[in-house]
Amino acid sequence: MPNFQTWRRRVTFLRSEEGSVRPLIGELGFIRDKPRWGFSFRRGLFEVPQADFEQIAHAMRANAERIRASGTAQPALGRHLEG
């Protein structure tokens, strides 16, 4: 039997609203293939550059000051982006 160990990441969920990803596609650096932008989100867990995260958070009306002050845990948005 393989030695399986779960992997978890500490996150701080920020209060946010649903937002649309379409207006952000051209600006987000982690989306390399803009016409096929949905493939970027098919990876299970991936790092989003801070600047991209702040753009997404702004589109979702999350508190940007809380993002910067989160410190020890990685910030995560409590809702999702819609296509």
Protein backbone atom coordinates (compact mmCIF):
# COMPACT_ATOMS: atom_id res chain seq x y z
CA MET A 1 0.00 0.00 0.00
CA PRO A 2 1.49 3.38 -0.97
CA ASN A 3 2.31 5.90 1.73
CA PHE A 4 -0.32 8.58 1.02
CA GLN A 5 -0.20 11.89 2.82
CA THR A 6 -2.77 14.64 2.38
CA TRP A 7 -1.59 18.11 1.46
CA ARG A 8 -3.30 21.20 2.78
CA ARG A 9 -2.73 24.91 2.45
CA ARG A 10 -3.64 27.46 5.12
CA VAL A 11 -5.85 30.14 3.61
CA THR A 12 -7.77 33.16 4.81
CA PHE A 13 -11.09 33.51 3.00
CA LEU A 14 -11.99 37.11 2.19
CA ARG A 15 -15.53 38.41 1.93
CA SER A 16 -16.24 38.97 -1.76
CA GLU A 17 -18.92 39.00 -4.44
CA GLU A 18 -19.19 36.98 -7.63
CA GLY A 19 -17.46 38.61 -10.55
CA SER A 20 -16.90 38.08 -14.25
CA VAL A 21 -13.53 36.89 -15.54
CA ARG A 22 -14.09 38.01 -19.14
CA PRO A 23 -13.11 41.68 -18.60
CA LEU A 24 -9.89 40.52 -16.87
CA ILE A 25 -8.64 37.95 -19.39
CA GLY A 26 -6.43 40.38 -21.33
CA GLU A 27 -4.82 41.72 -18.15
CA LEU A 28 -4.14 38.54 -16.15
CA GLY A 29 -0.56 37.36 -16.59
CA PHE A 30 -1.12 33.73 -15.59
CA ILE A 31 -3.50 33.26 -18.55
CA ARG A 32 -1.06 32.61 -21.38
CA ASP A 33 -3.50 31.48 -24.09
CA LYS A 34 -6.16 34.23 -24.03
CA PRO A 35 -8.60 32.60 -26.52
CA ARG A 36 -8.54 29.40 -24.43
CA TRP A 37 -8.48 31.15 -21.05
CA GLY A 38 -10.54 28.43 -19.33
CA PHE A 39 -7.65 25.96 -19.51
CA SER A 40 -5.71 28.05 -16.99
CA PHE A 41 -8.35 27.24 -14.37
CA ARG A 42 -8.39 23.48 -15.02
CA ARG A 43 -5.25 22.92 -13.00
CA GLY A 44 -6.14 21.87 -9.47
CA LEU A 45 -4.02 24.24 -7.44
CA PHE A 46 -1.80 26.90 -8.91
CA GLU A 47 -0.16 30.09 -7.77
CA VAL A 48 -1.65 33.37 -8.96
CA PRO A 49 0.81 36.29 -9.05
CA GLN A 50 0.03 38.97 -6.45
CA ALA A 51 -0.81 41.62 -9.08
CA ASP A 52 -3.28 39.25 -10.80
CA PHE A 53 -4.81 38.28 -7.46
CA GLU A 54 -5.35 41.93 -6.58
CA GLN A 55 -7.05 42.57 -9.96
CA ILE A 56 -9.37 39.60 -9.41
CA ALA A 57 -10.05 40.69 -5.83
CA HIS A 58 -10.91 44.21 -7.01
CA ALA A 59 -13.33 42.78 -9.60
CA MET A 60 -14.93 40.73 -6.82
CA ARG A 61 -15.08 43.72 -4.46
CA ALA A 62 -12.82 42.10 -1.86
CA ASN A 63 -11.03 44.25 0.71
CA ALA A 64 -7.54 44.86 -0.78
CA GLU A 65 -6.12 46.04 2.57
CA ARG A 66 -7.05 42.71 4.15
CA ILE A 67 -5.26 40.90 1.29
CA ARG A 68 -2.00 42.71 2.04
CA ALA A 69 -2.37 42.28 5.80
CA SER A 70 -3.19 38.56 5.72
CA GLY A 71 0.41 37.67 6.63
CA THR A 72 0.81 34.00 7.51
CA ALA A 73 -2.03 32.45 5.49
CA GLN A 74 -2.56 32.67 1.75
CA PRO A 75 -5.60 34.82 0.90
CA ALA A 76 -8.46 33.16 -0.97
CA LEU A 77 -11.67 34.61 -2.31
CA GLY A 78 -14.88 33.30 -0.80
CA ARG A 79 -16.88 33.29 -4.03
CA HIS A 80 -15.92 32.59 -7.61
CA LEU A 81 -15.43 34.20 -11.00
CA GLU A 82 -17.98 33.46 -13.67
CA GLY A 83 -17.18 33.18 -17.37
